[in-house]
Protein backbone atom coordinates (compact mmCIF):
# COMPACT_ATOMS: atom_id res chain seq x y z
CA MET A 1 52.82 97.83 160.01
CA ARG A 2 51.49 97.04 163.47
CA LEU A 3 51.09 99.43 166.38
CA ALA A 4 50.78 98.82 170.13
CA LYS A 5 50.71 101.17 173.10
CA MET A 6 53.66 100.83 175.43
CA PRO A 7 52.65 99.87 178.99
CA GLY A 8 53.58 101.81 182.10
CA GLU A 9 53.08 105.29 183.51
CA LYS A 10 55.13 107.90 181.65
CA THR A 11 57.25 109.19 184.52
CA GLY A 12 60.62 109.53 182.78
CA ASP A 13 63.93 107.73 183.35
CA SER A 14 62.85 104.98 185.76
CA LEU A 15 66.43 103.89 186.54
CA GLY A 16 67.99 107.33 186.99
CA LEU A 17 70.78 106.55 184.51
CA LEU A 18 70.46 109.81 182.57
CA THR A 19 70.33 112.64 185.07
CA LYS A 20 71.44 116.09 183.94
CA LYS A 21 74.78 115.62 185.69
CA THR A 22 75.33 112.17 184.20
CA VAL A 23 74.55 113.38 180.70
CA ALA A 24 76.90 116.36 181.17
CA ASP A 25 79.71 114.04 182.33
CA THR A 26 79.07 111.72 179.39
CA LYS A 27 79.17 114.51 176.83
CA ARG A 28 82.35 115.89 178.45
CA PHE A 29 83.98 112.47 178.08
CA HIS A 30 83.09 112.17 174.40
CA ALA A 31 84.16 115.74 173.70
CA SER A 32 87.62 114.93 175.11
CA PHE A 33 88.37 112.71 172.10
CA PRO A 34 90.24 114.61 169.38
CA GLN A 35 87.84 113.21 166.76
CA TYR A 36 84.71 114.56 168.49
CA ALA A 37 82.29 116.93 166.77
CA PRO A 38 78.48 117.12 167.07
CA THR A 39 76.80 115.38 164.16
CA PRO A 40 74.46 117.39 161.90
CA LEU A 41 70.78 117.82 162.65
CA CYS A 42 69.23 118.17 159.20
CA ASP A 43 66.15 120.34 158.72
CA LEU A 44 64.18 118.70 155.88
CA ARG A 45 61.76 121.53 155.15
CA ARG A 46 60.83 120.44 151.64
CA LEU A 47 60.19 116.85 152.71
CA ALA A 48 58.04 118.11 155.58
CA GLU A 49 55.94 120.14 153.12
CA ALA A 50 55.59 117.16 150.80
CA VAL A 51 54.32 114.77 153.49
CA GLY A 52 52.17 117.29 155.34
CA VAL A 53 53.90 118.02 158.64
CA HIS A 54 55.18 121.28 160.12
CA ARG A 55 58.87 120.31 160.43
CA MET A 56 60.98 117.19 159.97
CA PHE A 57 64.42 116.86 161.52
CA VAL A 58 66.89 114.01 160.99
CA LYS A 59 70.06 113.61 163.05
CA ASP A 60 72.77 112.25 160.72
CA GLU A 61 75.02 109.86 162.64
CA SER A 62 77.08 108.83 159.62
CA PHE A 63 79.60 111.50 160.71
CA ARG A 64 80.15 110.12 164.23
CA PHE A 65 83.90 109.83 164.93
CA GLY A 66 84.47 108.90 161.28
CA LEU A 67 82.87 105.48 161.91
CA ASN A 68 79.66 105.90 159.89
CA ALA A 69 77.36 105.07 162.84
CA PHE A 70 76.26 106.15 166.32
CA LYS A 71 77.15 102.98 168.22
CA VAL A 72 80.61 104.13 169.31
CA LEU A 73 78.99 106.57 171.75
CA GLY A 74 77.72 103.74 173.95
CA SER A 75 80.70 101.41 173.70
CA SER A 76 83.33 104.13 174.20
CA TYR A 77 81.64 105.49 177.31
CA ALA A 78 81.23 102.02 178.84
CA MET A 79 84.84 101.08 178.10
CA GLY A 80 86.08 104.42 179.39
CA ARG A 81 84.13 104.06 182.63
CA TYR A 82 85.41 100.51 183.12
CA LEU A 83 89.04 101.54 182.66
CA ALA A 84 88.64 104.68 184.77
CA ARG A 85 87.21 102.72 187.67
CA ARG A 86 90.23 100.42 187.66
CA ALA A 87 92.35 103.54 188.20
CA GLY A 88 90.03 105.11 190.77
CA LEU A 89 88.79 107.95 188.55
CA PHE A 90 85.32 109.43 188.93
CA ALA A 91 83.05 109.93 185.90
CA ASN A 92 83.70 113.68 185.75
CA GLU A 93 87.47 113.01 185.75
CA THR A 94 87.42 110.51 182.89
CA THR A 95 88.96 111.91 179.71
CA TYR A 96 90.69 110.59 176.61
CA GLU A 97 93.93 112.27 177.69
CA LYS A 98 94.00 110.51 181.06
CA LEU A 99 92.99 107.11 179.69
CA THR A 100 95.77 107.19 177.07
CA SER A 101 98.54 108.55 179.29
CA LYS A 102 101.62 106.39 179.87
CA ALA A 103 101.09 106.39 183.63
CA PHE A 104 97.48 105.23 183.26
CA ARG A 105 98.39 102.47 180.81
CA GLU A 106 101.08 101.17 183.16
CA ALA A 107 98.72 101.22 186.14
CA CYS A 108 95.76 99.71 184.27
CA GLY A 109 97.57 96.97 182.36
CA ASP A 110 96.36 95.15 179.25
CA ILE A 111 92.64 94.50 178.90
CA THR A 112 90.78 92.48 176.25
CA PHE A 113 87.25 93.64 175.44
CA ILE A 114 84.86 91.23 173.73
CA THR A 115 81.44 91.73 172.14
CA ALA A 116 78.79 90.32 169.82
CA THR A 117 77.58 92.55 167.01
CA ASP A 118 75.91 92.80 163.62
CA GLY A 119 78.50 95.43 162.69
CA ASN A 120 78.28 98.97 164.07
CA HIS A 121 78.59 98.18 167.79
CA GLY A 122 81.56 95.90 167.15
CA ARG A 123 83.27 98.54 165.07
CA GLY A 124 82.81 101.00 167.93
CA VAL A 125 84.30 98.54 170.44
CA ALA A 126 87.23 97.81 168.12
CA TRP A 127 87.91 101.50 167.45
CA THR A 128 87.73 102.46 171.12
CA ALA A 129 89.99 99.60 172.21
CA HIS A 130 92.55 100.65 169.62
CA GLU A 131 92.32 104.31 170.61
CA LEU A 132 92.83 103.45 174.28
CA GLY A 133 95.66 100.98 173.61
CA GLN A 134 93.72 97.81 174.42
CA ARG A 135 92.76 94.58 172.61
CA SER A 136 89.31 93.56 171.28
CA VAL A 137 87.59 90.39 170.06
CA VAL A 138 84.35 90.61 168.06
CA TYR A 139 81.90 87.87 167.05
CA MET A 140 79.16 88.37 164.46
CA PRO A 141 75.93 86.43 163.74
CA LYS A 142 75.28 84.36 160.64
CA GLY A 143 74.33 86.40 157.62
CA SER A 144 76.54 89.35 158.61
CA ARG A 145 77.81 91.27 155.59
CA PRO A 146 81.53 90.85 154.73
CA GLU A 147 82.12 94.61 154.44
CA ARG A 148 81.05 95.11 158.04
CA LEU A 149 83.41 92.35 159.16
CA GLU A 150 86.32 93.96 157.31
CA ASN A 151 85.53 97.37 158.82
CA ILE A 152 85.77 95.84 162.29
CA ARG A 153 89.06 94.14 161.50
CA ALA A 154 90.40 97.39 160.03
CA ALA A 155 89.61 99.08 163.34
CA GLY A 156 91.96 96.67 165.09
CA ALA A 157 89.83 93.79 166.36
CA GLU A 158 90.15 90.05 166.04
CA ALA A 159 86.77 89.41 164.38
CA SER A 160 84.82 86.55 162.78
CA ILE A 161 81.33 85.63 161.54
CA THR A 162 79.70 82.68 163.33
CA ASN A 163 76.88 80.36 162.27
CA LEU A 164 74.65 81.54 165.15
CA LYS A 165 71.82 84.07 165.36
CA TYR A 166 72.49 87.30 167.24
CA ASP A 167 71.15 86.40 170.68
CA ASP A 168 73.13 83.16 170.68
CA VAL A 169 76.30 85.04 169.69
CA VAL A 170 75.79 87.25 172.75
CA ARG A 171 75.70 84.15 174.93
CA MET A 172 78.84 82.81 173.26
CA ALA A 173 80.71 86.08 173.81
CA SER A 174 79.64 86.12 177.46
CA LYS A 175 80.98 82.59 177.93
CA GLN A 176 84.29 83.49 176.25
CA ALA A 177 84.65 86.53 178.51
CA GLU A 178 84.10 84.44 181.63
CA GLU A 179 86.50 81.67 180.57
CA ASN A 180 89.30 84.02 179.48
CA GLY A 181 88.99 86.86 181.99
CA TRP A 182 87.97 89.32 179.27
CA VAL A 183 85.55 92.23 179.62
CA LEU A 184 82.20 91.82 177.88
CA VAL A 185 80.88 95.04 176.31
CA GLN A 186 77.28 94.26 175.39
CA ASP A 187 74.30 96.57 175.08
CA THR A 188 71.84 94.07 176.49
CA ALA A 189 71.48 93.15 180.16
CA TRP A 190 70.57 90.13 182.29
CA PRO A 191 70.74 89.37 186.03
CA GLY A 192 74.33 89.88 187.13
CA TYR A 193 75.27 91.83 183.99
CA GLU A 194 73.78 95.31 184.19
CA GLU A 195 76.50 97.88 184.90
CA ILE A 196 78.14 97.96 181.46
CA PRO A 197 74.79 97.92 179.57
CA GLY A 198 73.71 100.80 181.82
CA TRP A 199 76.84 102.74 180.86
CA ILE A 200 76.14 102.04 177.18
CA ILE A 201 72.61 103.42 177.48
CA THR A 202 74.05 106.46 179.25
CA GLY A 203 76.60 106.92 176.45
CA TYR A 204 73.81 107.54 173.96
CA GLY A 205 72.77 110.51 176.06
CA THR A 206 75.44 112.56 174.27
CA MET A 207 73.54 112.23 171.00
CA ALA A 208 70.27 113.24 172.65
CA GLU A 209 71.90 116.22 174.38
CA GLU A 210 73.26 117.41 171.03
CA ILE A 211 69.74 117.17 169.60
CA VAL A 212 68.29 119.30 172.41
CA GLU A 213 70.98 121.91 171.83
CA GLU A 214 70.43 121.94 168.05
CA LEU A 215 66.63 121.78 167.73
CA PRO A 216 65.02 125.16 166.93
CA GLU A 217 61.59 123.87 168.02
CA PRO A 218 60.59 121.11 170.47
CA PRO A 219 59.69 117.82 168.77
CA THR A 220 56.16 116.47 168.96
CA HIS A 221 56.90 113.00 167.58
CA VAL A 222 60.17 111.07 167.90
CA PHE A 223 60.80 107.83 165.98
CA LEU A 224 63.56 105.72 167.57
CA GLN A 225 64.63 102.41 166.08
CA ALA A 226 65.24 99.52 168.47
CA GLY A 227 67.21 96.34 168.32
CA VAL A 228 67.66 95.54 172.01
CA GLY A 229 66.47 99.10 172.72
CA SER A 230 69.50 100.72 174.36
CA MET A 231 69.74 103.69 172.01
CA ALA A 232 65.99 104.27 172.12
CA ALA A 233 66.04 104.20 175.93
CA GLY A 234 68.94 106.62 176.25
CA VAL A 235 67.53 109.13 173.78
CA ALA A 236 63.92 108.88 174.96
CA ALA A 237 64.91 109.51 178.58
CA VAL A 238 66.88 112.66 177.75
CA LEU A 239 64.19 114.06 175.44
CA LYS A 240 61.37 113.40 177.90
CA ASN A 241 63.39 115.17 180.62
CA ALA A 242 64.23 118.08 178.30
CA TYR A 243 60.58 118.90 177.57
CA PRO A 244 58.69 118.13 180.80
CA GLU A 245 55.84 120.55 180.10
CA ASN A 246 55.08 119.15 176.65
CA PRO A 247 56.94 115.85 176.22
CA PRO A 248 57.12 114.39 172.70
CA THR A 249 55.30 111.23 171.66
CA VAL A 250 58.00 108.56 171.39
CA ILE A 251 57.53 105.70 168.93
CA VAL A 252 59.86 102.67 169.09
CA VAL A 253 60.42 101.23 165.59
CA GLU A 254 61.54 97.69 164.73
CA PRO A 255 61.31 95.17 161.86
CA THR A 256 58.22 92.97 161.59
CA THR A 257 60.49 89.92 161.82
CA ALA A 258 62.28 91.08 164.99
CA ASP A 259 59.39 92.61 166.88
CA CYS A 260 60.24 91.98 170.53
CA PHE A 261 59.16 95.44 171.70
CA TYR A 262 55.89 95.23 169.80
CA ARG A 263 55.21 91.77 171.26
CA SER A 264 56.02 93.01 174.74
CA ALA A 265 53.82 96.08 174.36
CA ALA A 266 50.91 94.16 172.80
CA ALA A 267 50.95 91.61 175.65
CA ASN A 268 50.28 94.54 178.02
CA ASP A 269 51.50 92.63 181.07
CA GLY A 270 54.63 94.68 181.80
CA LYS A 271 56.90 91.77 180.90
CA ARG A 272 59.35 91.29 178.08
CA HIS A 273 58.33 88.95 175.27
CA PHE A 274 60.82 87.63 172.75
CA ALA A 275 60.81 87.29 168.97
CA GLU A 276 61.99 83.94 167.63
CA GLY A 277 63.26 82.44 164.40
CA ASP A 278 65.96 83.73 162.06
CA MET A 279 64.57 87.30 162.09
CA LYS A 280 65.57 87.85 158.48
CA THR A 281 65.52 91.54 157.57
CA ILE A 282 67.64 94.08 155.70
CA MET A 283 67.67 96.06 158.98
CA ALA A 284 70.45 93.88 160.37
CA GLY A 285 71.22 96.24 163.23
CA LEU A 286 67.69 95.75 164.54
CA ALA A 287 67.51 91.95 164.17
CA CYS A 288 67.38 91.24 167.90
CA GLY A 289 64.83 89.00 169.57
CA GLU A 290 65.27 89.93 173.23
CA PRO A 291 64.81 93.46 174.63
CA CYS A 292 67.51 94.66 176.98
CA SER A 293 65.95 94.52 180.45
CA LEU A 294 67.30 97.96 181.41
CA ALA A 295 66.09 99.49 178.15
CA TRP A 296 62.67 97.90 178.60
CA ASP A 297 62.36 99.36 182.09
CA ILE A 298 63.21 102.86 180.83
CA LEU A 299 61.07 102.67 177.70
CA THR A 300 57.96 101.57 179.59
CA HIS A 301 58.24 104.94 181.36
CA THR A 302 59.28 107.07 178.37
CA ALA A 303 57.99 105.55 175.11
CA ASP A 304 54.37 105.75 174.02
CA PHE A 305 54.09 103.26 171.16
CA ALA A 306 55.87 100.28 169.58
CA LEU A 307 55.63 100.10 165.79
CA THR A 308 56.75 97.39 163.39
CA CYS A 309 57.72 98.09 159.79
CA GLU A 310 58.52 96.05 156.71
CA ASP A 311 61.84 96.11 154.90
CA PHE A 312 60.45 98.27 152.10
CA THR A 313 59.80 101.15 154.51
CA ALA A 314 63.50 101.41 155.32
CA ALA A 315 64.48 100.97 151.66
CA ASN A 316 62.10 103.72 150.55
CA ALA A 317 63.51 106.09 153.16
CA MET A 318 67.06 105.35 152.00
CA ARG A 319 66.09 106.42 148.48
CA ILE A 320 64.21 109.52 149.64
CA LEU A 321 66.97 110.71 151.96
CA GLY A 322 69.59 110.11 149.26
CA ALA A 323 67.66 112.10 146.63
CA PRO A 324 66.34 115.11 148.60
CA LEU A 325 63.75 117.62 147.50
CA GLY A 326 64.86 121.16 146.65
CA ASP A 327 67.54 122.45 148.97
CA ASP A 328 67.06 119.82 151.66
CA PRO A 329 70.42 118.33 152.70
CA ARG A 330 71.31 114.90 151.36
CA ILE A 331 71.57 112.08 153.90
CA ILE A 332 73.29 108.79 153.12
CA SER A 333 71.44 106.35 155.37
CA GLY A 334 71.78 102.60 155.70
CA GLU A 335 69.04 100.03 156.14
CA SER A 336 68.79 100.25 159.92
CA GLY A 337 69.60 103.94 159.90
CA ALA A 338 66.66 104.87 157.68
CA SER A 339 64.04 102.79 159.48
CA GLY A 340 62.76 105.58 161.72
CA VAL A 341 62.29 107.95 158.79
CA GLY A 342 60.72 105.13 156.81
CA ALA A 343 58.20 104.41 159.55
CA ALA A 344 57.24 108.09 159.82
CA LEU A 345 56.79 108.44 156.06
CA ALA A 346 54.77 105.22 155.83
CA LEU A 347 52.36 106.54 158.46
CA LEU A 348 52.03 109.88 156.70
CA CYS A 349 51.84 108.75 153.09
CA ARG A 350 50.19 105.33 152.89
CA LEU A 351 46.40 105.16 153.23
CA GLU A 352 46.39 101.73 154.88
CA ASN A 353 48.20 103.31 157.85
CA LYS A 354 45.83 106.25 158.26
CA GLU A 355 44.21 104.95 161.45
CA MET A 356 47.58 104.33 163.09
CA ALA A 357 48.73 107.84 162.18
CA ALA A 358 45.58 109.22 163.81
CA GLU A 359 46.18 107.16 166.96
CA ILE A 360 49.72 108.49 167.22
CA GLY A 361 48.43 112.00 166.52
CA ILE A 362 50.87 112.84 163.75
CA GLY A 363 49.75 115.47 161.23
CA LYS A 364 50.09 118.98 159.87
CA ASP A 365 51.17 120.56 163.18
CA SER A 366 53.78 117.92 164.02
CA ASN A 367 57.51 118.45 164.46
CA VAL A 368 58.95 115.04 163.60
CA LEU A 369 62.38 113.96 164.81
CA CYS A 370 64.23 110.87 163.52
CA ILE A 371 67.80 109.62 163.81
CA SER A 372 69.68 108.21 160.84
CA THR A 373 71.80 105.94 162.98
CA GLU A 374 74.19 104.79 160.24
CA GLY A 375 75.43 105.61 156.78
CA ALA A 376 76.05 103.11 153.98
CA THR A 377 77.83 100.45 156.03
CA ASP A 378 77.26 97.92 153.24
CA ARG A 379 77.91 99.79 149.99
CA GLU A 380 76.84 96.99 147.65
CA ARG A 381 73.44 96.64 149.30
CA TYR A 382 73.08 100.42 149.44
CA LYS A 383 73.63 100.54 145.67
CA ASP A 384 71.16 97.69 145.07
CA ILE A 385 68.49 99.56 147.01
CA THR A 386 69.08 103.10 145.79
CA TRP A 387 70.13 102.39 142.19
CA HIS A 388 68.25 99.23 141.32
CA GLY A 389 65.11 99.53 143.44
CA ALA A 390 65.62 96.47 145.62
CA PHE A 391 62.98 96.05 148.34
CA ALA A 392 60.53 98.41 146.67
CA ALA A 393 57.16 99.12 148.27
CA PRO A 394 54.09 97.24 147.03
CA ASP A 395 51.91 99.29 144.73
CA VAL A 396 49.06 100.54 146.90
CA GLU A 397 46.98 103.69 147.09
CA ARG A 398 48.73 106.67 148.69
CA GLU A 399 47.54 109.94 150.15
């Protein structure tokens, strides 16, 4: 594991994307879907006792809209806002009922949405397009798991796996959108493409607002996994705003092989720095080499640390969450989903990380919050890890 302080003064949401009104409008939009229900916030009291903290909470996103992952919150809100604007609707008027009405469909016409994904985001785009009566095209990077491809196709998309790494697939999808007049729904931004990524970041505010409503005690430490950083930015902004008198310490977590936030933080020059190479990791949802520019701007004002973790940290957390202590609730968490919990446990339980834990200030009085962002989206790999011990931790001294 490697730790770096995030640059920037901690002033909150630097872009103003997640105001109280915006978050309320976003949550109202999501709640208008017939499938909506808040996902569980699990209170892992026995695990907290075992690792020496006051409380440990894990938000279980495997229940989100029946899609086994959180990503649909961002894509659905962005797609809804895009369609609503075509019809002249304001954000607070945008609902599932209006977007699926016959009159709206006739006025809006047929739209094709396109995206690049490792799995969960593409499934969210496909599901939303189908729900709203539109078409979707999804491209996936090399090494994507076949089950995730089939889940996307089952949700109604035209989908395929390419021979490109993730960031190059994003560029390909952008080119296809421009050439065909399609709408790109991507959670990373670049000059000239910022509105939809901003809506995606805002969409994740619903999850954070649910957390604020559900938490019995304010969190002191929040572990948020980052690929391009959109989810981390959306959640961090809402949580920092919710507890202005005693804001939590926010730690951005990513794989050691896809460590763009760590590199950017360690450079300490306020600029984004990219990870290169194949970025091979079991945490496929986090295998991104370029931070979203909007997310980076927000996180420099809301996140405190960037932390890298090895594959075994996520694998260990998958096993621990799936075999809970005492009466703790069971959580089925995938490789990317468990990474935040894995990072927290590695800091608390492994002696080689003791100095980093002290720097972060995590200990016996801490209320730790993590998000299990996905369930078992690849069941064969989940079984290999939880049944057969794949990606086990090296044998080192523990606390």
